[in-house]
Amino acid sequence: GPRPDRDSSTTTTAGIDEPDRRGRTGPDRIGRDLPGNDGVRFRDVELLSTDWYVLRRTTFDMRHRNDHWSTEQRETYDRGIGRPRRRPATGSAS
């Protein structure tokens, strides 16, 4: 997560402002420019973890069949072996 920078009062985040422990930068930008779906508009990609895997929370607007737009949020793991996978649901269904 964010930590104070050694040289100033600003904070740095591994994987965004500096390489993470695997040397990656920019995993928060992956997926923002995916083409091909006019029914999805990306709002934000938040980097939650850059340990051995990358965990992102993506906020996006999705158009439904009745043309209603809703704001959705998903967490995905990127284990570096191909495509990101959705994080399994936890807890009981309500």
PDB file of N, CA and C in Angstrom:
ATOM      1  N   GLY A   1       0.815  -1.183   0.000  1.00  0.00           N
ATOM      2  CA  GLY A   1       0.000   0.000   0.000  1.00  0.00           C
ATOM      3  C   GLY A   1       0.855   1.242   0.000  1.00  0.00           C
ATOM      4  N   PRO A   2       0.248   2.423   0.051  1.00  0.00           N
ATOM      5  CA  PRO A   2       1.008   3.674   0.054  1.00  0.00           C
ATOM      6  C   PRO A   2       1.909   3.774   1.276  1.00  0.00           C
ATOM      7  N   ARG A   3       3.056   4.388   1.097  1.00  0.00           N
ATOM      8  CA  ARG A   3       3.960   4.614   2.225  1.00  0.00           C
ATOM      9  C   ARG A   3       4.645   5.950   2.025  1.00  0.00           C
ATOM     10  N   PRO A   4       5.066   6.596   3.115  1.00  0.00           N
ATOM     11  CA  PRO A   4       5.734   7.886   2.967  1.00  0.00           C
ATOM     12  C   PRO A   4       7.014   7.746   2.159  1.00  0.00           C
ATOM     13  N   ASP A   5       7.242   8.703   1.276  1.00  0.00           N
ATOM     14  CA  ASP A   5       8.471   8.751   0.486  1.00  0.00           C
ATOM     15  C   ASP A   5       9.624   9.125   1.401  1.00  0.00           C
ATOM     16  N   ARG A   6      10.777   8.551   1.162  1.00  0.00           N
ATOM     17  CA  ARG A   6      11.937   8.829   2.011  1.00  0.00           C
ATOM     18  C   ARG A   6      12.408  10.281   1.908  1.00  0.00           C
ATOM     19  N   ASP A   7      12.244  10.912   0.748  1.00  0.00           N
ATOM     20  CA  ASP A   7      12.817  12.231   0.516  1.00  0.00           C
ATOM     21  C   ASP A   7      11.849  13.393   0.712  1.00  0.00           C
ATOM     22  N   SER A   8      10.569  13.119   0.906  1.00  0.00           N
ATOM     23  CA  SER A   8       9.613  14.222   1.034  1.00  0.00           C
ATOM     24  C   SER A   8       8.405  13.766   1.835  1.00  0.00           C
ATOM     25  N   SER A   9       7.416  14.632   1.914  1.00  0.00           N
ATOM     26  CA  SER A   9       6.214  14.319   2.669  1.00  0.00           C
ATOM     27  C   SER A   9       5.162  13.632   1.802  1.00  0.00           C
ATOM     28  N   THR A  10       5.477  13.359   0.521  1.00  0.00           N
ATOM     29  CA  THR A  10       4.523  12.683  -0.348  1.00  0.00           C
ATOM     30  C   THR A  10       4.560  11.183  -0.095  1.00  0.00           C
ATOM     31  N   THR A  11       3.519  10.486  -0.546  1.00  0.00           N
ATOM     32  CA  THR A  11       3.487   9.040  -0.416  1.00  0.00           C
ATOM     33  C   THR A  11       3.706   8.405  -1.775  1.00  0.00           C
ATOM     34  N   THR A  12       4.298   7.226  -1.784  1.00  0.00           N
ATOM     35  CA  THR A  12       4.497   6.477  -3.020  1.00  0.00           C
ATOM     36  C   THR A  12       3.775   5.146  -2.892  1.00  0.00           C
ATOM     37  N   THR A  13       3.379   4.607  -4.024  1.00  0.00           N
ATOM     38  CA  THR A  13       2.699   3.328  -4.054  1.00  0.00           C
ATOM     39  C   THR A  13       3.460   2.402  -4.986  1.00  0.00           C
ATOM     40  N   ALA A  14       3.862   1.255  -4.452  1.00  0.00           N
ATOM     41  CA  ALA A  14       4.569   0.272  -5.270  1.00  0.00           C
ATOM     42  C   ALA A  14       3.690  -0.148  -6.436  1.00  0.00           C
ATOM     43  N   GLY A  15       4.273  -0.166  -7.631  1.00  0.00           N
ATOM     44  CA  GLY A  15       3.540  -0.536  -8.826  1.00  0.00           C
ATOM     45  C   GLY A  15       2.949   0.648  -9.559  1.00  0.00           C
ATOM     46  N   ILE A  16       2.830   1.787  -8.885  1.00  0.00           N
ATOM     47  CA  ILE A  16       2.313   2.996  -9.531  1.00  0.00           C
ATOM     48  C   ILE A  16       3.427   4.028  -9.636  1.00  0.00           C
ATOM     49  N   ASP A  17       3.942   4.467  -8.488  1.00  0.00           N
ATOM     50  CA  ASP A  17       4.972   5.503  -8.454  1.00  0.00           C
ATOM     51  C   ASP A  17       6.383   4.929  -8.555  1.00  0.00           C
ATOM     52  N   GLU A  18       6.519   3.674  -8.210  1.00  0.00           N
ATOM     53  CA  GLU A  18       7.815   3.000  -8.236  1.00  0.00           C
ATOM     54  C   GLU A  18       7.564   1.525  -8.531  1.00  0.00           C
ATOM     55  N   PRO A  19       8.566   0.786  -9.017  1.00  0.00           N
ATOM     56  CA  PRO A  19       8.353  -0.639  -9.293  1.00  0.00           C
ATOM     57  C   PRO A  19       7.953  -1.401  -8.033  1.00  0.00           C
ATOM     58  N   ASP A  20       7.057  -2.389  -8.198  1.00  0.00           N
ATOM     59  CA  ASP A  20       6.719  -3.245  -7.072  1.00  0.00           C
ATOM     60  C   ASP A  20       7.829  -4.281  -6.890  1.00  0.00           C
ATOM     61  N   ARG A  21       7.647  -5.212  -5.985  1.00  0.00           N
ATOM     62  CA  ARG A  21       8.747  -6.136  -5.680  1.00  0.00           C
ATOM     63  C   ARG A  21       9.087  -7.076  -6.828  1.00  0.00           C
ATOM     64  N   ARG A  22       8.208  -7.184  -7.839  1.00  0.00           N
ATOM     65  CA  ARG A  22       8.517  -7.976  -9.034  1.00  0.00           C
ATOM     66  C   ARG A  22       8.989  -7.084 -10.180  1.00  0.00           C
ATOM     67  N   GLY A  23       9.174  -5.782  -9.917  1.00  0.00           N
ATOM     68  CA  GLY A  23       9.681  -4.866 -10.929  1.00  0.00           C
ATOM     69  C   GLY A  23       8.634  -4.291 -11.860  1.00  0.00           C
ATOM     70  N   ARG A  24       7.355  -4.475 -11.547  1.00  0.00           N
ATOM     71  CA  ARG A  24       6.283  -3.995 -12.427  1.00  0.00           C
ATOM     72  C   ARG A  24       5.902  -2.564 -12.086  1.00  0.00           C
ATOM     73  N   THR A  25       5.579  -1.803 -13.109  1.00  0.00           N
ATOM     74  CA  THR A  25       4.948  -0.487 -12.937  1.00  0.00           C
ATOM     75  C   THR A  25       3.766  -0.425 -13.895  1.00  0.00           C
ATOM     76  N   GLY A  26       2.747   0.303 -13.508  1.00  0.00           N
ATOM     77  CA  GLY A  26       1.587   0.499 -14.362  1.00  0.00           C
ATOM     78  C   GLY A  26       0.491  -0.539 -14.307  1.00  0.00           C
ATOM     79  N   PRO A  27       0.457  -1.473 -13.331  1.00  0.00           N
ATOM     80  CA  PRO A  27      -0.640  -2.439 -13.343  1.00  0.00           C
ATOM     81  C   PRO A  27      -2.002  -1.810 -13.048  1.00  0.00           C
ATOM     82  N   ASP A  28      -2.019  -0.577 -12.567  1.00  0.00           N
ATOM     83  CA  ASP A  28      -3.293   0.116 -12.345  1.00  0.00           C
ATOM     84  C   ASP A  28      -3.895   0.612 -13.649  1.00  0.00           C
ATOM     85  N   ARG A  29      -3.102   0.656 -14.730  1.00  0.00           N
ATOM     86  CA  ARG A  29      -3.596   1.153 -16.022  1.00  0.00           C
ATOM     87  C   ARG A  29      -4.066   0.037 -16.950  1.00  0.00           C
ATOM     88  N   ILE A  30      -3.757  -1.217 -16.607  1.00  0.00           N
ATOM     89  CA  ILE A  30      -4.111  -2.337 -17.471  1.00  0.00           C
ATOM     90  C   ILE A  30      -5.624  -2.495 -17.505  1.00  0.00           C
ATOM     91  N   GLY A  31      -6.172  -2.613 -18.694  1.00  0.00           N
ATOM     92  CA  GLY A  31      -7.597  -2.845 -18.867  1.00  0.00           C
ATOM     93  C   GLY A  31      -8.414  -1.593 -19.108  1.00  0.00           C
ATOM     94  N   ARG A  32      -7.849  -0.421 -18.889  1.00  0.00           N
ATOM     95  CA  ARG A  32      -8.624   0.818 -19.067  1.00  0.00           C
ATOM     96  C   ARG A  32      -8.984   1.084 -20.524  1.00  0.00           C
ATOM     97  N   ASP A  33      -8.180   0.609 -21.459  1.00  0.00           N
ATOM     98  CA  ASP A  33      -8.390   0.934 -22.867  1.00  0.00           C
ATOM     99  C   ASP A  33      -8.855  -0.266 -23.684  1.00  0.00           C
ATOM    100  N   LEU A  34      -9.555  -1.204 -23.053  1.00  0.00           N
ATOM    101  CA  LEU A  34     -10.028  -2.366 -23.790  1.00  0.00           C
ATOM    102  C   LEU A  34     -11.084  -1.954 -24.811  1.00  0.00           C
ATOM    103  N   PRO A  35     -10.903  -2.345 -26.072  1.00  0.00           N
ATOM    104  CA  PRO A  35     -11.868  -1.987 -27.109  1.00  0.00           C
ATOM    105  C   PRO A  35     -13.003  -3.010 -27.197  1.00  0.00           C
ATOM    106  N   GLY A  36     -14.055  -2.655 -27.901  1.00  0.00           N
ATOM    107  CA  GLY A  36     -15.024  -3.648 -28.298  1.00  0.00           C
ATOM    108  C   GLY A  36     -16.311  -3.728 -27.515  1.00  0.00           C
ATOM    109  N   ASN A  37     -16.503  -2.974 -26.445  1.00  0.00           N
ATOM    110  CA  ASN A  37     -17.759  -3.058 -25.712  1.00  0.00           C
ATOM    111  C   ASN A  37     -18.264  -1.654 -25.411  1.00  0.00           C
ATOM    112  N   ASP A  38     -19.213  -1.201 -26.217  1.00  0.00           N
ATOM    113  CA  ASP A  38     -19.777   0.136 -26.022  1.00  0.00           C
ATOM    114  C   ASP A  38     -20.675   0.215 -24.791  1.00  0.00           C
ATOM    115  N   GLY A  39     -20.999  -0.935 -24.205  1.00  0.00           N
ATOM    116  CA  GLY A  39     -21.867  -0.973 -23.036  1.00  0.00           C
ATOM    117  C   GLY A  39     -21.123  -0.880 -21.720  1.00  0.00           C
ATOM    118  N   VAL A  40     -19.812  -0.641 -21.777  1.00  0.00           N
ATOM    119  CA  VAL A  40     -19.007  -0.528 -20.557  1.00  0.00           C
ATOM    120  C   VAL A  40     -18.135   0.713 -20.643  1.00  0.00           C
ATOM    121  N   ARG A  41     -18.168   1.520 -19.589  1.00  0.00           N
ATOM    122  CA  ARG A  41     -17.301   2.712 -19.484  1.00  0.00           C
ATOM    123  C   ARG A  41     -16.525   2.613 -18.182  1.00  0.00           C
ATOM    124  N   PHE A  42     -15.214   2.532 -18.281  1.00  0.00           N
ATOM    125  CA  PHE A  42     -14.386   2.424 -17.085  1.00  0.00           C
ATOM    126  C   PHE A  42     -14.299   3.761 -16.378  1.00  0.00           C
ATOM    127  N   ARG A  43     -14.480   3.764 -15.063  1.00  0.00           N
ATOM    128  CA  ARG A  43     -14.366   4.966 -14.237  1.00  0.00           C
ATOM    129  C   ARG A  43     -13.035   5.012 -13.512  1.00  0.00           C
ATOM    130  N   ASP A  44     -12.662   3.887 -12.873  1.00  0.00           N
ATOM    131  CA  ASP A  44     -11.455   3.885 -12.051  1.00  0.00           C
ATOM    132  C   ASP A  44     -10.922   2.471 -11.921  1.00  0.00           C
ATOM    133  N   VAL A  45      -9.606   2.352 -11.852  1.00  0.00           N
ATOM    134  CA  VAL A  45      -8.951   1.087 -11.521  1.00  0.00           C
ATOM    135  C   VAL A  45      -8.049   1.380 -10.335  1.00  0.00           C
ATOM    136  N   GLU A  46      -8.396   0.802  -9.186  1.00  0.00           N
ATOM    137  CA  GLU A  46      -7.643   1.031  -7.956  1.00  0.00           C
ATOM    138  C   GLU A  46      -6.761  -0.182  -7.697  1.00  0.00           C
ATOM    139  N   LEU A  47      -5.500   0.064  -7.435  1.00  0.00           N
ATOM    140  CA  LEU A  47      -4.557  -1.003  -7.144  1.00  0.00           C
ATOM    141  C   LEU A  47      -4.628  -1.314  -5.661  1.00  0.00           C
ATOM    142  N   LEU A  48      -5.051  -2.538  -5.308  1.00  0.00           N
ATOM    143  CA  LEU A  48      -5.200  -2.919  -3.910  1.00  0.00           C
ATOM    144  C   LEU A  48      -3.971  -3.641  -3.375  1.00  0.00           C
ATOM    145  N   SER A  49      -3.290  -4.379  -4.242  1.00  0.00           N
ATOM    146  CA  SER A  49      -2.105  -5.120  -3.815  1.00  0.00           C
ATOM    147  C   SER A  49      -1.189  -5.364  -5.010  1.00  0.00           C
ATOM    148  N   THR A  50       0.108  -5.266  -4.770  1.00  0.00           N
ATOM    149  CA  THR A  50       1.093  -5.604  -5.798  1.00  0.00           C
ATOM    150  C   THR A  50       2.126  -6.552  -5.220  1.00  0.00           C
ATOM    151  N   ASP A  51       1.646  -7.501  -4.432  1.00  0.00           N
ATOM    152  CA  ASP A  51       2.555  -8.496  -3.886  1.00  0.00           C
ATOM    153  C   ASP A  51       2.952  -9.431  -5.030  1.00  0.00           C
ATOM    154  N   TRP A  52       2.941 -10.723  -4.846  1.00  0.00           N
ATOM    155  CA  TRP A  52       3.321 -11.619  -5.931  1.00  0.00           C
ATOM    156  C   TRP A  52       2.293 -11.547  -7.066  1.00  0.00           C
ATOM    157  N   TYR A  53       1.041 -11.348  -6.727  1.00  0.00           N
ATOM    158  CA  TYR A  53      -0.026 -11.151  -7.694  1.00  0.00           C
ATOM    159  C   TYR A  53      -0.430  -9.680  -7.658  1.00  0.00           C
ATOM    160  N   VAL A  54      -1.300  -9.273  -8.579  1.00  0.00           N
ATOM    161  CA  VAL A  54      -1.849  -7.917  -8.576  1.00  0.00           C
ATOM    162  C   VAL A  54      -3.344  -8.035  -8.313  1.00  0.00           C
ATOM    163  N   LEU A  55      -3.839  -7.276  -7.342  1.00  0.00           N
ATOM    164  CA  LEU A  55      -5.267  -7.240  -7.026  1.00  0.00           C
ATOM    165  C   LEU A  55      -5.770  -5.840  -7.337  1.00  0.00           C
ATOM    166  N   ARG A  56      -6.774  -5.766  -8.211  1.00  0.00           N
ATOM    167  CA  ARG A  56      -7.345  -4.486  -8.617  1.00  0.00           C
ATOM    168  C   ARG A  56      -8.826  -4.433  -8.264  1.00  0.00           C
ATOM    169  N   ARG A  57      -9.312  -3.218  -7.961  1.00  0.00           N
ATOM    170  CA  ARG A  57     -10.749  -2.963  -7.841  1.00  0.00           C
ATOM    171  C   ARG A  57     -11.099  -2.026  -8.992  1.00  0.00           C
ATOM    172  N   THR A  58     -11.960  -2.496  -9.874  1.00  0.00           N
ATOM    173  CA  THR A  58     -12.344  -1.724 -11.056  1.00  0.00           C
ATOM    174  C   THR A  58     -13.769  -1.228 -10.876  1.00  0.00           C
ATOM    175  N   THR A  59     -13.961   0.069 -11.072  1.00  0.00           N
ATOM    176  CA  THR A  59     -15.284   0.676 -11.041  1.00  0.00           C
ATOM    177  C   THR A  59     -15.639   1.068 -12.471  1.00  0.00           C
ATOM    178  N   PHE A  60     -16.817   0.687 -12.894  1.00  0.00           N
ATOM    179  CA  PHE A  60     -17.218   0.934 -14.279  1.00  0.00           C
ATOM    180  C   PHE A  60     -18.723   1.141 -14.359  1.00  0.00           C
ATOM    181  N   ASP A  61     -19.154   1.796 -15.425  1.00  0.00           N
ATOM    182  CA  ASP A  61     -20.572   1.941 -15.728  1.00  0.00           C
ATOM    183  C   ASP A  61     -20.926   0.865 -16.740  1.00  0.00           C
ATOM    184  N   MET A  62     -22.077   0.206 -16.531  1.00  0.00           N
ATOM    185  CA  MET A  62     -22.511  -0.856 -17.428  1.00  0.00           C
ATOM    186  C   MET A  62     -23.926  -0.562 -17.904  1.00  0.00           C
ATOM    187  N   ARG A  63     -24.116  -0.666 -19.210  1.00  0.00           N
ATOM    188  CA  ARG A  63     -25.448  -0.455 -19.787  1.00  0.00           C
ATOM    189  C   ARG A  63     -26.189  -1.787 -19.841  1.00  0.00           C
ATOM    190  N   HIS A  64     -27.405  -1.793 -19.318  1.00  0.00           N
ATOM    191  CA  HIS A  64     -28.232  -2.996 -19.300  1.00  0.00           C
ATOM    192  C   HIS A  64     -29.095  -3.053 -20.558  1.00  0.00           C
ATOM    193  N   ARG A  65     -29.775  -4.161 -20.758  1.00  0.00           N
ATOM    194  CA  ARG A  65     -30.594  -4.354 -21.964  1.00  0.00           C
ATOM    195  C   ARG A  65     -31.674  -3.297 -22.136  1.00  0.00           C
ATOM    196  N   ASN A  66     -32.172  -2.752 -21.015  1.00  0.00           N
ATOM    197  CA  ASN A  66     -33.221  -1.728 -21.090  1.00  0.00           C
ATOM    198  C   ASN A  66     -32.636  -0.321 -21.210  1.00  0.00           C
ATOM    199  N   ASP A  67     -31.336  -0.221 -21.535  1.00  0.00           N
ATOM    200  CA  ASP A  67     -30.593   1.036 -21.691  1.00  0.00           C
ATOM    201  C   ASP A  67     -30.370   1.790 -20.388  1.00  0.00           C
ATOM    202  N   HIS A  68     -30.662   1.174 -19.265  1.00  0.00           N
ATOM    203  CA  HIS A  68     -30.350   1.755 -17.956  1.00  0.00           C
ATOM    204  C   HIS A  68     -28.863   1.541 -17.670  1.00  0.00           C
ATOM    205  N   TRP A  69     -28.188   2.582 -17.175  1.00  0.00           N
ATOM    206  CA  TRP A  69     -26.778   2.477 -16.809  1.00  0.00           C
ATOM    207  C   TRP A  69     -26.667   2.309 -15.296  1.00  0.00           C
ATOM    208  N   SER A  70     -25.789   1.439 -14.860  1.00  0.00           N
ATOM    209  CA  SER A  70     -25.519   1.288 -13.432  1.00  0.00           C
ATOM    210  C   SER A  70     -24.009   1.299 -13.224  1.00  0.00           C
ATOM    211  N   THR A  71     -23.603   1.722 -12.048  1.00  0.00           N
ATOM    212  CA  THR A  71     -22.190   1.706 -11.685  1.00  0.00           C
ATOM    213  C   THR A  71     -21.911   0.402 -10.946  1.00  0.00           C
ATOM    214  N   GLU A  72     -20.934  -0.340 -11.423  1.00  0.00           N
ATOM    215  CA  GLU A  72     -20.569  -1.640 -10.866  1.00  0.00           C
ATOM    216  C   GLU A  72     -19.125  -1.587 -10.385  1.00  0.00           C
ATOM    217  N   GLN A  73     -18.780  -2.542  -9.532  1.00  0.00           N
ATOM    218  CA  GLN A  73     -17.415  -2.632  -9.019  1.00  0.00           C
ATOM    219  C   GLN A  73     -17.037  -4.100  -8.919  1.00  0.00           C
ATOM    220  N   ARG A  74     -15.849  -4.445  -9.387  1.00  0.00           N
ATOM    221  CA  ARG A  74     -15.356  -5.819  -9.316  1.00  0.00           C
ATOM    222  C   ARG A  74     -13.907  -5.809  -8.853  1.00  0.00           C
ATOM    223  N   GLU A  75     -13.521  -6.863  -8.126  1.00  0.00           N
ATOM    224  CA  GLU A  75     -12.123  -7.072  -7.756  1.00  0.00           C
ATOM    225  C   GLU A  75     -11.592  -8.231  -8.581  1.00  0.00           C
ATOM    226  N   THR A  76     -10.407  -8.081  -9.133  1.00  0.00           N
ATOM    227  CA  THR A  76      -9.808  -9.133  -9.944  1.00  0.00           C
ATOM    228  C   THR A  76      -8.370  -9.374  -9.517  1.00  0.00           C
ATOM    229  N   TYR A  77      -7.992 -10.645  -9.529  1.00  0.00           N
ATOM    230  CA  TYR A  77      -6.605 -11.036  -9.311  1.00  0.00           C
ATOM    231  C   TYR A  77      -5.938 -11.191 -10.666  1.00  0.00           C
ATOM    232  N   ASP A  78      -4.739 -10.722 -10.794  1.00  0.00           N
ATOM    233  CA  ASP A  78      -3.921 -10.979 -11.978  1.00  0.00           C
ATOM    234  C   ASP A  78      -2.688 -11.703 -11.458  1.00  0.00           C
ATOM    235  N   ARG A  79      -2.644 -12.997 -11.715  1.00  0.00           N
ATOM    236  CA  ARG A  79      -1.538 -13.807 -11.210  1.00  0.00           C
ATOM    237  C   ARG A  79      -0.394 -13.894 -12.211  1.00  0.00           C
ATOM    238  N   GLY A  80      -0.509 -13.171 -13.319  1.00  0.00           N
ATOM    239  CA  GLY A  80       0.566 -13.138 -14.294  1.00  0.00           C
ATOM    240  C   GLY A  80       0.639 -14.360 -15.183  1.00  0.00           C
ATOM    241  N   ILE A  81      -0.431 -15.147 -15.254  1.00  0.00           N
ATOM    242  CA  ILE A  81      -0.410 -16.353 -16.062  1.00  0.00           C
ATOM    243  C   ILE A  81      -1.394 -16.265 -17.229  1.00  0.00           C
ATOM    244  N   GLY A  82      -1.782 -15.097 -17.612  1.00  0.00           N
ATOM    245  CA  GLY A  82      -2.746 -14.943 -18.698  1.00  0.00           C
ATOM    246  C   GLY A  82      -3.746 -13.871 -18.362  1.00  0.00           C
ATOM    247  N   ARG A  83      -4.999 -14.229 -18.342  1.00  0.00           N
ATOM    248  CA  ARG A  83      -6.047 -13.239 -18.098  1.00  0.00           C
ATOM    249  C   ARG A  83      -6.319 -13.091 -16.601  1.00  0.00           C
ATOM    250  N   PRO A  84      -6.781 -11.909 -16.182  1.00  0.00           N
ATOM    251  CA  PRO A  84      -7.164 -11.728 -14.777  1.00  0.00           C
ATOM    252  C   PRO A  84      -8.372 -12.599 -14.444  1.00  0.00           C
ATOM    253  N   ARG A  85      -8.478 -13.000 -13.201  1.00  0.00           N
ATOM    254  CA  ARG A  85      -9.611 -13.796 -12.740  1.00  0.00           C
ATOM    255  C   ARG A  85     -10.374 -13.016 -11.687  1.00  0.00           C
ATOM    256  N   ARG A  86     -11.691 -13.193 -11.688  1.00  0.00           N
ATOM    257  CA  ARG A  86     -12.512 -12.528 -10.672  1.00  0.00           C
ATOM    258  C   ARG A  86     -12.223 -13.128  -9.315  1.00  0.00           C
ATOM    259  N   ARG A  87     -12.250 -12.279  -8.310  1.00  0.00           N
ATOM    260  CA  ARG A  87     -12.071 -12.734  -6.938  1.00  0.00           C
ATOM    261  C   ARG A  87     -13.312 -13.499  -6.502  1.00  0.00           C
ATOM    262  N   PRO A  88     -13.160 -14.677  -5.903  1.00  0.00           N
ATOM    263  CA  PRO A  88     -14.332 -15.444  -5.479  1.00  0.00           C
ATOM    264  C   PRO A  88     -15.151 -14.688  -4.438  1.00  0.00           C
ATOM    265  N   ALA A  89     -16.457 -14.842  -4.495  1.00  0.00           N
ATOM    266  CA  ALA A  89     -17.348 -14.206  -3.523  1.00  0.00           C
ATOM    267  C   ALA A  89     -17.147 -14.869  -2.166  1.00  0.00           C
ATOM    268  N   THR A  90     -17.257 -14.071  -1.118  1.00  0.00           N
ATOM    269  CA  THR A  90     -17.137 -14.595   0.236  1.00  0.00           C
ATOM    270  C   THR A  90     -18.395 -14.264   1.009  1.00  0.00           C
ATOM    271  N   GLY A  91     -18.645 -14.997   2.069  1.00  0.00           N
ATOM    272  CA  GLY A  91     -19.808 -14.728   2.902  1.00  0.00           C
ATOM    273  C   GLY A  91     -21.053 -15.390   2.334  1.00  0.00           C
ATOM    274  N   SER A  92     -22.182 -15.112   2.967  1.00  0.00           N
ATOM    275  CA  SER A  92     -23.429 -15.723   2.538  1.00  0.00           C
ATOM    276  C   SER A  92     -24.180 -14.776   1.619  1.00  0.00           C
ATOM    277  N   ALA A  93     -24.960 -15.343   0.730  1.00  0.00           N
ATOM    278  CA  ALA A  93     -25.769 -14.534  -0.195  1.00  0.00           C
ATOM    279  C   ALA A  93     -26.955 -13.961   0.561  1.00  0.00           C
ATOM    280  N   SER A  94     -27.310 -12.731   0.234  1.00  0.00           N
ATOM    281  CA  SER A  94     -28.458 -12.103   0.899  1.00  0.00           C
ATOM    282  C   SER A  94     -29.602 -11.999  -0.052  1.00  0.00           C
TER     283      SER A  94
END
